[in-house]
Amino acid sequence: MEESYVLHLQKQYQKFSDFYLCYCGHARCEPLHSYGPAVRPNYLLHYILDGSGIYRVEDQEFSLHKGEGFLIEPNKQTFYQAGEEDPWTYLWIGFDGAKCESCLRSLGLGNGQLTFRCEDGGELLKLVESMLTYNKSDTEADFMLQSLLCRFFA
C-alpha cells in the first residue's frame, strides 16, 4: 500500500500570481505504482529520494534513480511508474504562475530539459514537510508557503 502525505491549496486564496505553490507531498510507492497517462494544468516537479522508476513524455522515456528528478510541464501528456524491484520514494511540488517558465529556465529546466540531478534531497524533503504543516488558508500560511517554495528552488 502506498504511503503518502499531500497538501492541496485552494486557488482562490492565492496572493501571488508570478510564481506560487499549488500542491505538494511525498510518497513511498508500491512496486509498479503508476500515474497516467495524464495531462496537468500546471508545472510539477518530482524528486526521487530513494529507489527508481521511469518517466515518459511524448516520445521520450527516462530511467531515473535516487538523487534525480523530473519536470512535468503543463498540457503535456505524461506517464510515470515506480520500479518493480526498487520502487521509488519521491516528493513533488506543483506550482504555477506567469513567471514559472523563466524561473525554470534560470535553473536549466524546460525547453526540452526535463530531468535534473540534486544532491540536497534531505533538505528538499524538509522543505516539503514544512510546507505540509501550513494547511490553513490564512495570510501567515500564504507567505510561509511562498517563502518555502522560493527556498526549494534556491
N, C-alpha and C. Protein backbone atom coordinates (compact mmCIF):
# COMPACT_ATOMS: atom_id res chain seq x y z
N MET A 1 0.84 -1.19 0.00
CA MET A 1 0.00 0.00 0.00
C MET A 1 0.89 1.25 0.00
N GLU A 2 0.53 2.21 -0.83
CA GLU A 2 1.28 3.45 -0.90
C GLU A 2 1.08 4.27 0.37
N GLU A 3 2.16 4.87 0.82
CA GLU A 3 2.11 5.78 1.97
C GLU A 3 2.41 7.17 1.44
N SER A 4 1.45 8.11 1.59
CA SER A 4 1.68 9.44 1.04
C SER A 4 1.13 10.52 1.96
N TYR A 5 1.71 11.73 1.80
CA TYR A 5 1.33 12.92 2.54
C TYR A 5 1.17 14.04 1.51
N VAL A 6 0.01 14.72 1.52
CA VAL A 6 -0.31 15.66 0.45
C VAL A 6 -0.94 16.93 1.01
N LEU A 7 -0.60 18.07 0.40
CA LEU A 7 -1.24 19.35 0.67
C LEU A 7 -1.74 19.92 -0.65
N HIS A 8 -3.05 20.17 -0.76
CA HIS A 8 -3.64 20.83 -1.93
C HIS A 8 -4.12 22.20 -1.48
N LEU A 9 -3.78 23.21 -2.27
CA LEU A 9 -4.17 24.59 -1.92
C LEU A 9 -5.33 25.05 -2.78
N GLN A 10 -6.18 25.88 -2.21
CA GLN A 10 -7.31 26.45 -2.92
C GLN A 10 -6.82 27.62 -3.78
N LYS A 11 -7.06 27.55 -5.07
CA LYS A 11 -6.59 28.60 -5.97
C LYS A 11 -7.14 29.98 -5.61
N GLN A 12 -8.36 30.06 -5.11
CA GLN A 12 -8.92 31.38 -4.82
C GLN A 12 -8.19 32.09 -3.70
N TYR A 13 -7.36 31.39 -2.94
CA TYR A 13 -6.63 32.01 -1.83
C TYR A 13 -5.23 32.49 -2.24
N GLN A 14 -4.88 32.36 -3.52
CA GLN A 14 -3.54 32.76 -3.96
C GLN A 14 -3.35 34.27 -3.89
N LYS A 15 -2.29 34.69 -3.21
CA LYS A 15 -1.94 36.10 -3.14
C LYS A 15 -0.86 36.46 -4.16
N PHE A 16 -0.28 35.45 -4.76
CA PHE A 16 0.85 35.64 -5.68
C PHE A 16 0.44 35.17 -7.07
N SER A 17 0.84 35.89 -8.09
CA SER A 17 0.46 35.49 -9.44
C SER A 17 1.65 35.08 -10.31
N ASP A 18 2.86 35.52 -9.97
CA ASP A 18 4.02 35.21 -10.79
C ASP A 18 4.55 33.79 -10.59
N PHE A 19 4.46 33.29 -9.36
CA PHE A 19 5.08 32.01 -9.03
C PHE A 19 4.48 31.57 -7.69
N TYR A 20 3.70 30.49 -7.68
CA TYR A 20 3.04 30.09 -6.44
C TYR A 20 2.85 28.57 -6.38
N LEU A 21 2.74 28.08 -5.18
CA LEU A 21 2.56 26.67 -4.90
C LEU A 21 1.09 26.28 -5.10
N CYS A 22 0.87 25.16 -5.78
CA CYS A 22 -0.49 24.62 -5.96
C CYS A 22 -0.72 23.43 -5.03
N TYR A 23 0.29 22.57 -4.90
CA TYR A 23 0.19 21.40 -4.05
C TYR A 23 1.58 20.81 -3.86
N CYS A 24 1.72 19.94 -2.89
CA CYS A 24 2.99 19.28 -2.65
C CYS A 24 2.74 18.01 -1.85
N GLY A 25 3.77 17.19 -1.75
CA GLY A 25 3.64 15.98 -0.96
C GLY A 25 4.84 15.08 -1.13
N HIS A 26 4.77 13.94 -0.48
CA HIS A 26 5.79 12.91 -0.68
C HIS A 26 5.14 11.55 -0.47
N ALA A 27 5.69 10.53 -1.10
CA ALA A 27 5.10 9.19 -1.03
C ALA A 27 6.16 8.12 -1.21
N ARG A 28 5.89 7.00 -0.58
CA ARG A 28 6.67 5.78 -0.81
C ARG A 28 5.75 4.88 -1.62
N CYS A 29 6.16 4.53 -2.82
CA CYS A 29 5.30 3.81 -3.76
C CYS A 29 5.50 2.30 -3.69
N GLU A 30 4.45 1.61 -4.03
CA GLU A 30 4.49 0.16 -4.19
C GLU A 30 5.16 -0.16 -5.53
N PRO A 31 5.69 -1.38 -5.69
CA PRO A 31 6.26 -1.76 -6.99
C PRO A 31 5.26 -1.55 -8.13
N LEU A 32 5.73 -0.96 -9.20
CA LEU A 32 4.99 -0.70 -10.43
C LEU A 32 3.81 0.27 -10.27
N HIS A 33 3.74 0.98 -9.13
CA HIS A 33 2.72 2.02 -8.98
C HIS A 33 2.92 3.05 -10.10
N SER A 34 1.83 3.46 -10.75
CA SER A 34 1.98 4.38 -11.88
C SER A 34 0.94 5.49 -11.82
N TYR A 35 1.21 6.54 -12.59
CA TYR A 35 0.28 7.64 -12.75
C TYR A 35 0.27 8.04 -14.22
N GLY A 36 -0.91 8.07 -14.80
CA GLY A 36 -1.04 8.48 -16.19
C GLY A 36 -1.40 7.30 -17.07
N PRO A 37 -1.47 7.61 -18.36
CA PRO A 37 -1.17 8.90 -18.99
C PRO A 37 -2.12 9.98 -18.48
N ALA A 38 -1.55 11.15 -18.26
CA ALA A 38 -2.31 12.28 -17.74
C ALA A 38 -1.72 13.59 -18.26
N VAL A 39 -2.55 14.61 -18.24
CA VAL A 39 -2.15 15.96 -18.61
C VAL A 39 -2.41 16.85 -17.40
N ARG A 40 -1.42 17.63 -17.02
CA ARG A 40 -1.54 18.52 -15.86
C ARG A 40 -1.79 19.95 -16.31
N PRO A 41 -2.52 20.73 -15.50
CA PRO A 41 -2.77 22.13 -15.86
C PRO A 41 -1.66 23.07 -15.40
N ASN A 42 -0.71 22.55 -14.61
CA ASN A 42 0.36 23.38 -14.04
C ASN A 42 1.68 22.63 -14.11
N TYR A 43 2.75 23.27 -13.68
CA TYR A 43 4.06 22.62 -13.60
C TYR A 43 4.10 21.70 -12.39
N LEU A 44 4.90 20.66 -12.50
CA LEU A 44 5.04 19.70 -11.41
C LEU A 44 6.46 19.14 -11.43
N LEU A 45 7.14 19.22 -10.30
CA LEU A 45 8.47 18.63 -10.15
C LEU A 45 8.38 17.44 -9.21
N HIS A 46 9.00 16.34 -9.60
CA HIS A 46 9.18 15.18 -8.73
C HIS A 46 10.66 15.03 -8.46
N TYR A 47 11.00 14.67 -7.23
CA TYR A 47 12.40 14.40 -6.87
C TYR A 47 12.44 13.04 -6.18
N ILE A 48 13.34 12.17 -6.61
CA ILE A 48 13.41 10.80 -6.12
C ILE A 48 14.34 10.73 -4.92
N LEU A 49 13.75 10.39 -3.77
CA LEU A 49 14.50 10.28 -2.53
C LEU A 49 15.18 8.92 -2.40
N ASP A 50 14.58 7.90 -2.99
CA ASP A 50 15.12 6.54 -2.93
C ASP A 50 14.47 5.72 -4.04
N GLY A 51 15.14 4.68 -4.46
CA GLY A 51 14.58 3.78 -5.45
C GLY A 51 14.73 4.28 -6.87
N SER A 52 13.87 3.74 -7.75
CA SER A 52 13.96 4.06 -9.17
C SER A 52 12.61 3.91 -9.84
N GLY A 53 12.54 4.41 -11.08
CA GLY A 53 11.33 4.31 -11.88
C GLY A 53 11.56 4.91 -13.25
N ILE A 54 10.48 5.04 -14.00
CA ILE A 54 10.57 5.62 -15.35
C ILE A 54 9.61 6.80 -15.46
N TYR A 55 9.97 7.70 -16.36
CA TYR A 55 9.15 8.87 -16.69
C TYR A 55 9.07 8.94 -18.20
N ARG A 56 7.83 9.05 -18.74
CA ARG A 56 7.62 9.16 -20.17
C ARG A 56 6.88 10.45 -20.48
N VAL A 57 7.37 11.16 -21.48
CA VAL A 57 6.69 12.34 -22.00
C VAL A 57 6.88 12.32 -23.51
N GLU A 58 5.75 12.38 -24.22
CA GLU A 58 5.75 12.31 -25.67
C GLU A 58 6.54 11.08 -26.12
N ASP A 59 7.59 11.23 -26.92
CA ASP A 59 8.33 10.07 -27.42
C ASP A 59 9.62 9.81 -26.63
N GLN A 60 9.78 10.42 -25.47
CA GLN A 60 10.98 10.23 -24.66
C GLN A 60 10.67 9.40 -23.42
N GLU A 61 11.62 8.54 -23.03
CA GLU A 61 11.50 7.80 -21.78
C GLU A 61 12.79 7.95 -21.00
N PHE A 62 12.67 8.23 -19.71
CA PHE A 62 13.81 8.42 -18.84
C PHE A 62 13.77 7.39 -17.72
N SER A 63 14.88 6.74 -17.48
CA SER A 63 15.04 5.85 -16.34
C SER A 63 15.72 6.67 -15.25
N LEU A 64 15.07 6.79 -14.09
CA LEU A 64 15.55 7.70 -13.05
C LEU A 64 15.76 6.98 -11.73
N HIS A 65 16.70 7.51 -10.94
CA HIS A 65 17.10 6.89 -9.68
C HIS A 65 17.23 7.94 -8.58
N LYS A 66 17.52 7.47 -7.39
CA LYS A 66 17.73 8.32 -6.23
C LYS A 66 18.63 9.51 -6.59
N GLY A 67 18.23 10.71 -6.16
CA GLY A 67 19.02 11.91 -6.41
C GLY A 67 18.68 12.60 -7.72
N GLU A 68 17.74 12.05 -8.47
CA GLU A 68 17.32 12.65 -9.74
C GLU A 68 15.87 13.09 -9.64
N GLY A 69 15.47 13.93 -10.57
CA GLY A 69 14.10 14.40 -10.60
C GLY A 69 13.64 14.66 -12.01
N PHE A 70 12.34 14.94 -12.13
CA PHE A 70 11.80 15.22 -13.46
C PHE A 70 10.74 16.31 -13.39
N LEU A 71 10.66 17.04 -14.48
CA LEU A 71 9.72 18.15 -14.63
C LEU A 71 8.57 17.72 -15.53
N ILE A 72 7.37 17.98 -15.07
CA ILE A 72 6.18 17.82 -15.90
C ILE A 72 5.70 19.22 -16.24
N GLU A 73 5.60 19.49 -17.53
CA GLU A 73 5.15 20.79 -17.99
C GLU A 73 3.64 20.77 -18.22
N PRO A 74 2.99 21.93 -18.11
CA PRO A 74 1.54 21.98 -18.32
C PRO A 74 1.15 21.52 -19.72
N ASN A 75 0.01 20.87 -19.78
CA ASN A 75 -0.62 20.49 -21.05
C ASN A 75 0.18 19.51 -21.89
N LYS A 76 1.05 18.73 -21.26
CA LYS A 76 1.79 17.67 -21.95
C LYS A 76 1.38 16.34 -21.34
N GLN A 77 1.13 15.36 -22.18
CA GLN A 77 0.74 14.05 -21.68
C GLN A 77 1.97 13.31 -21.15
N THR A 78 1.88 12.83 -19.92
CA THR A 78 3.00 12.14 -19.28
C THR A 78 2.53 10.86 -18.61
N PHE A 79 3.50 10.02 -18.29
CA PHE A 79 3.28 8.77 -17.56
C PHE A 79 4.52 8.53 -16.72
N TYR A 80 4.33 8.07 -15.49
CA TYR A 80 5.49 7.66 -14.69
C TYR A 80 5.12 6.47 -13.84
N GLN A 81 6.16 5.66 -13.55
CA GLN A 81 5.93 4.39 -12.87
C GLN A 81 7.12 4.02 -12.00
N ALA A 82 6.82 3.57 -10.79
CA ALA A 82 7.85 3.09 -9.87
C ALA A 82 8.43 1.79 -10.39
N GLY A 83 9.71 1.56 -10.06
CA GLY A 83 10.35 0.32 -10.46
C GLY A 83 9.73 -0.89 -9.78
N GLU A 84 9.92 -2.04 -10.40
CA GLU A 84 9.37 -3.27 -9.84
C GLU A 84 10.23 -3.79 -8.69
N GLU A 85 11.54 -3.77 -8.86
CA GLU A 85 12.45 -4.31 -7.85
C GLU A 85 12.79 -3.30 -6.75
N ASP A 86 12.90 -2.04 -7.13
CA ASP A 86 13.31 -0.99 -6.21
C ASP A 86 12.41 0.24 -6.41
N PRO A 87 11.13 0.15 -5.99
CA PRO A 87 10.20 1.25 -6.26
C PRO A 87 10.62 2.54 -5.56
N TRP A 88 10.32 3.63 -6.22
CA TRP A 88 10.79 4.90 -5.70
C TRP A 88 9.96 5.45 -4.54
N THR A 89 10.65 6.25 -3.76
CA THR A 89 10.05 7.15 -2.80
C THR A 89 10.37 8.53 -3.35
N TYR A 90 9.35 9.38 -3.48
CA TYR A 90 9.62 10.69 -4.07
C TYR A 90 8.82 11.78 -3.38
N LEU A 91 9.21 13.00 -3.67
CA LEU A 91 8.45 14.16 -3.25
C LEU A 91 8.05 14.91 -4.50
N TRP A 92 7.05 15.78 -4.36
CA TRP A 92 6.62 16.57 -5.51
C TRP A 92 6.12 17.93 -5.05
N ILE A 93 6.25 18.87 -5.96
CA ILE A 93 5.64 20.19 -5.79
C ILE A 93 5.00 20.59 -7.11
N GLY A 94 3.75 20.97 -7.04
CA GLY A 94 3.04 21.51 -8.19
C GLY A 94 3.00 23.02 -8.02
N PHE A 95 3.26 23.73 -9.07
CA PHE A 95 3.33 25.19 -8.99
C PHE A 95 2.88 25.80 -10.30
N ASP A 96 2.58 27.08 -10.27
CA ASP A 96 2.10 27.77 -11.45
C ASP A 96 2.42 29.25 -11.31
N GLY A 97 2.06 30.02 -12.33
CA GLY A 97 2.27 31.45 -12.31
C GLY A 97 2.89 31.96 -13.60
N ALA A 98 2.78 33.26 -13.78
CA ALA A 98 3.24 33.90 -15.02
C ALA A 98 4.74 33.80 -15.24
N LYS A 99 5.53 33.66 -14.17
CA LYS A 99 6.99 33.65 -14.29
C LYS A 99 7.61 32.26 -14.15
N CYS A 100 6.80 31.21 -14.12
CA CYS A 100 7.34 29.85 -13.94
C CYS A 100 8.37 29.48 -15.01
N GLU A 101 8.02 29.73 -16.25
CA GLU A 101 8.92 29.34 -17.33
C GLU A 101 10.28 30.01 -17.18
N SER A 102 10.32 31.29 -16.88
CA SER A 102 11.61 31.97 -16.74
C SER A 102 12.35 31.49 -15.49
N CYS A 103 11.63 31.21 -14.41
CA CYS A 103 12.28 30.66 -13.21
C CYS A 103 12.92 29.31 -13.52
N LEU A 104 12.20 28.45 -14.20
CA LEU A 104 12.74 27.14 -14.55
C LEU A 104 13.93 27.24 -15.49
N ARG A 105 13.85 28.10 -16.48
CA ARG A 105 14.97 28.28 -17.42
C ARG A 105 16.23 28.76 -16.70
N SER A 106 16.06 29.60 -15.69
CA SER A 106 17.23 30.08 -14.95
C SER A 106 17.92 28.93 -14.21
N LEU A 107 17.20 27.85 -13.97
CA LEU A 107 17.77 26.66 -13.32
C LEU A 107 18.18 25.59 -14.32
N GLY A 108 18.00 25.86 -15.61
CA GLY A 108 18.38 24.90 -16.63
C GLY A 108 17.31 23.88 -16.94
N LEU A 109 16.07 24.15 -16.55
CA LEU A 109 14.96 23.23 -16.83
C LEU A 109 14.00 23.84 -17.83
N GLY A 110 13.23 22.97 -18.47
CA GLY A 110 12.30 23.41 -19.51
C GLY A 110 13.00 23.42 -20.84
N ASN A 111 12.29 23.83 -21.87
CA ASN A 111 12.88 23.89 -23.21
C ASN A 111 13.54 22.57 -23.60
N GLY A 112 12.91 21.46 -23.29
CA GLY A 112 13.45 20.15 -23.64
C GLY A 112 14.26 19.49 -22.53
N GLN A 113 14.73 20.24 -21.56
CA GLN A 113 15.48 19.65 -20.43
C GLN A 113 14.47 19.33 -19.33
N LEU A 114 14.14 18.04 -19.19
CA LEU A 114 13.06 17.63 -18.30
C LEU A 114 13.54 16.86 -17.08
N THR A 115 14.82 16.58 -16.98
CA THR A 115 15.35 15.86 -15.82
C THR A 115 16.47 16.66 -15.19
N PHE A 116 16.76 16.36 -13.93
CA PHE A 116 17.82 17.06 -13.23
C PHE A 116 18.39 16.16 -12.16
N ARG A 117 19.52 16.56 -11.61
CA ARG A 117 20.17 15.86 -10.51
C ARG A 117 20.38 16.86 -9.38
N CYS A 118 20.17 16.43 -8.15
CA CYS A 118 20.35 17.30 -6.99
C CYS A 118 20.84 16.44 -5.82
N GLU A 119 21.84 16.93 -5.13
CA GLU A 119 22.41 16.17 -4.00
C GLU A 119 21.79 16.55 -2.66
N ASP A 120 20.87 17.51 -2.64
CA ASP A 120 20.28 18.00 -1.39
C ASP A 120 18.90 17.43 -1.11
N GLY A 121 18.72 16.13 -1.35
CA GLY A 121 17.41 15.50 -1.17
C GLY A 121 16.87 15.64 0.23
N GLY A 122 17.71 15.52 1.24
CA GLY A 122 17.26 15.65 2.62
C GLY A 122 16.70 17.03 2.90
N GLU A 123 17.36 18.05 2.38
CA GLU A 123 16.88 19.43 2.57
C GLU A 123 15.58 19.66 1.81
N LEU A 124 15.47 19.11 0.60
CA LEU A 124 14.22 19.26 -0.16
C LEU A 124 13.05 18.61 0.58
N LEU A 125 13.29 17.44 1.16
CA LEU A 125 12.24 16.76 1.92
C LEU A 125 11.84 17.59 3.14
N LYS A 126 12.80 18.17 3.84
CA LYS A 126 12.47 19.01 4.99
C LYS A 126 11.59 20.19 4.57
N LEU A 127 11.89 20.78 3.43
CA LEU A 127 11.09 21.91 2.95
C LEU A 127 9.66 21.48 2.63
N VAL A 128 9.51 20.34 1.96
CA VAL A 128 8.16 19.85 1.65
C VAL A 128 7.42 19.49 2.93
N GLU A 129 8.09 18.86 3.87
CA GLU A 129 7.44 18.54 5.15
C GLU A 129 7.01 19.82 5.88
N SER A 130 7.81 20.88 5.79
CA SER A 130 7.41 22.16 6.36
C SER A 130 6.19 22.72 5.65
N MET A 131 6.16 22.61 4.31
CA MET A 131 5.00 23.08 3.54
C MET A 131 3.73 22.38 4.02
N LEU A 132 3.83 21.10 4.30
CA LEU A 132 2.66 20.31 4.70
C LEU A 132 2.06 20.79 6.02
N THR A 133 2.84 21.48 6.84
CA THR A 133 2.32 21.96 8.13
C THR A 133 1.48 23.22 7.98
N TYR A 134 1.60 23.91 6.86
CA TYR A 134 0.83 25.14 6.64
C TYR A 134 -0.43 24.82 5.85
N ASN A 135 -1.37 24.15 6.50
CA ASN A 135 -2.57 23.67 5.83
C ASN A 135 -3.81 24.51 6.13
N LYS A 136 -3.60 25.74 6.57
CA LYS A 136 -4.72 26.67 6.80
C LYS A 136 -4.70 27.73 5.71
N SER A 137 -5.87 28.26 5.40
CA SER A 137 -5.97 29.33 4.42
C SER A 137 -5.96 30.66 5.17
N ASP A 138 -4.75 31.15 5.45
CA ASP A 138 -4.63 32.46 6.09
C ASP A 138 -3.37 33.16 5.59
N THR A 139 -3.23 34.39 5.96
CA THR A 139 -2.13 35.21 5.46
C THR A 139 -0.77 34.64 5.86
N GLU A 140 -0.63 34.21 7.11
CA GLU A 140 0.65 33.64 7.56
C GLU A 140 1.02 32.43 6.72
N ALA A 141 0.08 31.52 6.52
CA ALA A 141 0.36 30.32 5.73
C ALA A 141 0.73 30.69 4.29
N ASP A 142 0.01 31.63 3.70
CA ASP A 142 0.31 32.03 2.32
C ASP A 142 1.75 32.53 2.18
N PHE A 143 2.17 33.38 3.09
CA PHE A 143 3.52 33.92 3.00
C PHE A 143 4.58 32.88 3.34
N MET A 144 4.29 32.02 4.30
CA MET A 144 5.25 30.96 4.63
C MET A 144 5.41 29.97 3.48
N LEU A 145 4.31 29.61 2.85
CA LEU A 145 4.39 28.70 1.71
C LEU A 145 5.15 29.33 0.54
N GLN A 146 4.93 30.62 0.32
CA GLN A 146 5.68 31.30 -0.75
C GLN A 146 7.17 31.30 -0.43
N SER A 147 7.51 31.55 0.81
CA SER A 147 8.90 31.54 1.25
C SER A 147 9.52 30.16 1.07
N LEU A 148 8.82 29.12 1.47
CA LEU A 148 9.32 27.75 1.35
C LEU A 148 9.47 27.33 -0.12
N LEU A 149 8.54 27.77 -0.96
CA LEU A 149 8.66 27.48 -2.38
C LEU A 149 9.93 28.10 -2.95
N CYS A 150 10.19 29.35 -2.61
CA CYS A 150 11.42 30.01 -3.09
C CYS A 150 12.66 29.32 -2.54
N ARG A 151 12.64 28.91 -1.29
CA ARG A 151 13.78 28.17 -0.70
C ARG A 151 13.99 26.83 -1.43
N PHE A 152 12.91 26.17 -1.79
CA PHE A 152 13.01 24.90 -2.52
C PHE A 152 13.80 25.11 -3.81
N PHE A 153 13.48 26.16 -4.54
CA PHE A 153 14.17 26.41 -5.81
C PHE A 153 15.55 26.99 -5.61
N ALA A 154 15.81 27.60 -4.46
CA ALA A 154 17.15 28.12 -4.18
C ALA A 154 18.13 26.99 -3.98
